[in-house]
Amino acid sequence: MAAHDKVVTVYISSVPGSQAILKNTRSAIQILASRGYKVEEKDVASDEASKTFMIENSGKRVTPQIFVHGAYKGVGSLWVLFD
């Protein structure tokens, strides 16, 4: 499957806990987009259903979290997409 065929969902928070989290989130989205991935953002700060899905499927509350076609790939772990 070509990179542009993959939909990558990045769970973000519009109210991040720190500048480092905000920077990591922006970097993750920028890198994915520059590699041709279709990026869908889900804001866990304003969407309770997305927050619940993220936590139930990853066991983690920290953002950014990356999912590919609904499968959890990691917390900002972009390298797992390029295996």
N, C-alpha and C. Protein backbone atom coordinates (compact mmCIF):
# COMPACT_ATOMS: atom_id res chain seq x y z
N MET A 1 0.85 -1.17 0.00
CA MET A 1 0.00 0.00 0.00
C MET A 1 0.90 1.24 0.00
N ALA A 2 0.65 2.14 -0.88
CA ALA A 2 1.43 3.37 -0.95
C ALA A 2 1.10 4.26 0.23
N ALA A 3 2.05 5.10 0.61
CA ALA A 3 1.86 5.97 1.76
C ALA A 3 0.58 6.79 1.64
N HIS A 4 0.30 7.30 0.46
CA HIS A 4 -0.87 8.16 0.30
C HIS A 4 -2.19 7.40 0.40
N ASP A 5 -2.14 6.07 0.37
CA ASP A 5 -3.34 5.26 0.52
C ASP A 5 -3.70 5.04 1.98
N LYS A 6 -2.76 5.31 2.88
CA LYS A 6 -3.01 5.11 4.30
C LYS A 6 -3.63 6.34 4.92
N VAL A 7 -4.66 6.10 5.73
CA VAL A 7 -5.24 7.16 6.52
C VAL A 7 -4.66 7.03 7.92
N VAL A 8 -4.00 8.07 8.36
CA VAL A 8 -3.38 8.09 9.67
C VAL A 8 -4.20 9.04 10.54
N THR A 9 -4.69 8.53 11.65
CA THR A 9 -5.44 9.35 12.58
C THR A 9 -4.51 9.73 13.72
N VAL A 10 -4.41 11.03 13.96
CA VAL A 10 -3.58 11.53 15.04
C VAL A 10 -4.52 12.13 16.09
N TYR A 11 -4.49 11.53 17.27
CA TYR A 11 -5.29 12.04 18.38
C TYR A 11 -4.48 13.13 19.06
N ILE A 12 -5.07 14.31 19.09
CA ILE A 12 -4.39 15.50 19.59
C ILE A 12 -5.20 16.11 20.73
N SER A 13 -4.61 17.10 21.39
CA SER A 13 -5.35 17.90 22.35
C SER A 13 -5.18 19.37 21.97
N SER A 14 -6.29 20.05 21.79
CA SER A 14 -6.22 21.48 21.50
C SER A 14 -5.82 22.28 22.73
N VAL A 15 -5.72 21.58 23.87
CA VAL A 15 -5.29 22.18 25.12
C VAL A 15 -4.15 21.30 25.68
N PRO A 16 -2.98 21.34 25.01
CA PRO A 16 -1.88 20.47 25.44
C PRO A 16 -1.32 20.91 26.79
N GLY A 17 -0.73 19.94 27.49
CA GLY A 17 -0.20 20.20 28.82
C GLY A 17 1.09 20.99 28.85
N SER A 18 1.76 21.07 27.70
CA SER A 18 3.03 21.80 27.66
C SER A 18 3.36 22.20 26.23
N GLN A 19 4.32 23.09 26.10
CA GLN A 19 4.79 23.51 24.79
C GLN A 19 5.46 22.34 24.06
N ALA A 20 6.11 21.45 24.81
CA ALA A 20 6.77 20.29 24.20
C ALA A 20 5.74 19.37 23.54
N ILE A 21 4.62 19.17 24.20
CA ILE A 21 3.56 18.32 23.62
C ILE A 21 3.01 18.98 22.35
N LEU A 22 2.79 20.28 22.41
CA LEU A 22 2.30 21.01 21.24
C LEU A 22 3.29 20.89 20.09
N LYS A 23 4.56 21.06 20.37
CA LYS A 23 5.60 20.94 19.35
C LYS A 23 5.65 19.53 18.76
N ASN A 24 5.58 18.51 19.61
CA ASN A 24 5.58 17.12 19.14
C ASN A 24 4.38 16.83 18.25
N THR A 25 3.23 17.37 18.63
CA THR A 25 2.01 17.16 17.85
C THR A 25 2.14 17.79 16.47
N ARG A 26 2.57 19.04 16.44
CA ARG A 26 2.73 19.73 15.15
C ARG A 26 3.76 19.02 14.26
N SER A 27 4.86 18.58 14.88
CA SER A 27 5.91 17.88 14.12
C SER A 27 5.39 16.58 13.54
N ALA A 28 4.66 15.81 14.34
CA ALA A 28 4.13 14.53 13.87
C ALA A 28 3.21 14.73 12.67
N ILE A 29 2.31 15.69 12.76
CA ILE A 29 1.37 15.95 11.67
C ILE A 29 2.11 16.44 10.43
N GLN A 30 3.08 17.31 10.61
CA GLN A 30 3.84 17.83 9.49
C GLN A 30 4.64 16.73 8.78
N ILE A 31 5.28 15.88 9.54
CA ILE A 31 6.06 14.79 8.95
C ILE A 31 5.16 13.83 8.18
N LEU A 32 4.04 13.46 8.76
CA LEU A 32 3.12 12.55 8.08
C LEU A 32 2.61 13.16 6.78
N ALA A 33 2.20 14.41 6.83
CA ALA A 33 1.69 15.07 5.62
C ALA A 33 2.77 15.19 4.55
N SER A 34 4.00 15.48 4.97
CA SER A 34 5.07 15.64 4.00
C SER A 34 5.44 14.32 3.33
N ARG A 35 5.10 13.22 3.97
CA ARG A 35 5.37 11.90 3.39
C ARG A 35 4.19 11.35 2.61
N GLY A 36 3.17 12.17 2.44
CA GLY A 36 2.04 11.80 1.61
C GLY A 36 0.91 11.08 2.31
N TYR A 37 0.95 11.01 3.63
CA TYR A 37 -0.14 10.37 4.36
C TYR A 37 -1.32 11.32 4.47
N LYS A 38 -2.51 10.76 4.40
CA LYS A 38 -3.72 11.53 4.66
C LYS A 38 -3.88 11.54 6.18
N VAL A 39 -3.82 12.73 6.77
CA VAL A 39 -3.87 12.87 8.22
C VAL A 39 -5.25 13.34 8.65
N GLU A 40 -5.84 12.59 9.56
CA GLU A 40 -7.12 12.95 10.15
C GLU A 40 -6.83 13.25 11.63
N GLU A 41 -7.19 14.44 12.08
CA GLU A 41 -6.96 14.82 13.47
C GLU A 41 -8.23 14.64 14.28
N LYS A 42 -8.06 14.09 15.48
CA LYS A 42 -9.17 13.95 16.42
C LYS A 42 -8.77 14.67 17.70
N ASP A 43 -9.55 15.64 18.11
CA ASP A 43 -9.23 16.45 19.28
C ASP A 43 -9.90 15.86 20.52
N VAL A 44 -9.09 15.27 21.39
CA VAL A 44 -9.63 14.61 22.59
C VAL A 44 -10.08 15.62 23.65
N ALA A 45 -9.67 16.87 23.51
CA ALA A 45 -10.10 17.90 24.46
C ALA A 45 -11.55 18.32 24.23
N SER A 46 -12.03 18.17 23.00
CA SER A 46 -13.39 18.61 22.68
C SER A 46 -14.30 17.48 22.21
N ASP A 47 -13.77 16.28 22.08
CA ASP A 47 -14.55 15.16 21.57
C ASP A 47 -14.40 13.96 22.51
N GLU A 48 -15.38 13.80 23.38
CA GLU A 48 -15.32 12.75 24.41
C GLU A 48 -15.28 11.35 23.79
N ALA A 49 -15.98 11.13 22.69
CA ALA A 49 -15.97 9.81 22.04
C ALA A 49 -14.57 9.47 21.53
N SER A 50 -13.88 10.46 20.95
CA SER A 50 -12.52 10.23 20.48
C SER A 50 -11.58 9.95 21.64
N LYS A 51 -11.75 10.69 22.72
CA LYS A 51 -10.92 10.48 23.91
C LYS A 51 -11.12 9.06 24.45
N THR A 52 -12.35 8.64 24.54
CA THR A 52 -12.66 7.29 25.04
C THR A 52 -12.05 6.24 24.13
N PHE A 53 -12.21 6.38 22.82
CA PHE A 53 -11.64 5.43 21.87
C PHE A 53 -10.13 5.35 22.04
N MET A 54 -9.47 6.51 22.10
CA MET A 54 -8.02 6.56 22.21
C MET A 54 -7.55 5.82 23.46
N ILE A 55 -8.15 6.11 24.58
CA ILE A 55 -7.73 5.50 25.85
C ILE A 55 -8.01 4.00 25.86
N GLU A 56 -9.18 3.61 25.39
CA GLU A 56 -9.55 2.19 25.39
C GLU A 56 -8.65 1.37 24.46
N ASN A 57 -8.18 1.97 23.37
CA ASN A 57 -7.40 1.22 22.39
C ASN A 57 -5.89 1.33 22.58
N SER A 58 -5.45 2.28 23.40
CA SER A 58 -4.01 2.42 23.63
C SER A 58 -3.63 2.21 25.09
N GLY A 59 -4.59 2.46 25.98
CA GLY A 59 -4.29 2.39 27.39
C GLY A 59 -3.55 3.62 27.89
N LYS A 60 -3.44 4.63 27.05
CA LYS A 60 -2.69 5.84 27.39
C LYS A 60 -3.55 7.09 27.22
N ARG A 61 -3.20 8.13 27.97
CA ARG A 61 -3.93 9.39 27.90
C ARG A 61 -3.14 10.50 27.23
N VAL A 62 -1.86 10.31 27.01
CA VAL A 62 -0.98 11.34 26.47
C VAL A 62 -1.18 11.49 24.96
N THR A 63 -0.99 12.70 24.46
CA THR A 63 -1.07 12.96 23.02
C THR A 63 0.27 13.50 22.55
N PRO A 64 0.57 13.43 21.28
CA PRO A 64 -0.23 12.86 20.20
C PRO A 64 -0.14 11.34 20.18
N GLN A 65 -1.21 10.71 19.76
CA GLN A 65 -1.23 9.27 19.56
C GLN A 65 -1.56 9.00 18.10
N ILE A 66 -0.92 7.98 17.56
CA ILE A 66 -1.05 7.67 16.15
C ILE A 66 -1.73 6.32 15.96
N PHE A 67 -2.75 6.34 15.10
CA PHE A 67 -3.48 5.13 14.72
C PHE A 67 -3.49 5.05 13.20
N VAL A 68 -3.37 3.85 12.66
CA VAL A 68 -3.48 3.62 11.23
C VAL A 68 -4.63 2.65 11.01
N HIS A 69 -5.65 3.11 10.30
CA HIS A 69 -6.86 2.33 10.06
C HIS A 69 -7.39 1.73 11.36
N GLY A 70 -7.41 2.55 12.42
CA GLY A 70 -7.96 2.15 13.69
C GLY A 70 -7.03 1.36 14.60
N ALA A 71 -5.85 1.00 14.10
CA ALA A 71 -4.90 0.23 14.90
C ALA A 71 -3.89 1.17 15.56
N TYR A 72 -3.73 1.03 16.85
CA TYR A 72 -2.81 1.87 17.62
C TYR A 72 -1.38 1.59 17.19
N LYS A 73 -0.63 2.66 16.91
CA LYS A 73 0.77 2.53 16.48
C LYS A 73 1.75 3.13 17.46
N GLY A 74 1.30 4.01 18.33
CA GLY A 74 2.21 4.55 19.32
C GLY A 74 1.93 6.00 19.66
N VAL A 75 2.66 6.46 20.67
CA VAL A 75 2.57 7.85 21.11
C VAL A 75 3.65 8.62 20.38
N GLY A 76 3.27 9.27 19.30
CA GLY A 76 4.22 10.05 18.52
C GLY A 76 5.30 9.20 17.86
N SER A 77 5.06 7.89 17.75
CA SER A 77 6.06 6.97 17.20
C SER A 77 5.93 6.85 15.69
N LEU A 78 6.44 7.85 15.01
CA LEU A 78 6.30 7.87 13.55
C LEU A 78 7.03 6.73 12.87
N TRP A 79 8.09 6.24 13.47
CA TRP A 79 8.90 5.20 12.83
C TRP A 79 8.10 3.94 12.55
N VAL A 80 7.05 3.66 13.31
CA VAL A 80 6.30 2.43 13.09
C VAL A 80 5.55 2.45 11.76
N LEU A 81 5.35 3.62 11.20
CA LEU A 81 4.65 3.71 9.92
C LEU A 81 5.53 3.34 8.74
N PHE A 82 6.84 3.39 8.95
CA PHE A 82 7.75 3.23 7.84
C PHE A 82 8.42 1.87 7.82
N ASP A 83 7.94 0.91 8.62
CA ASP A 83 8.49 -0.45 8.62
C ASP A 83 8.15 -1.18 7.34
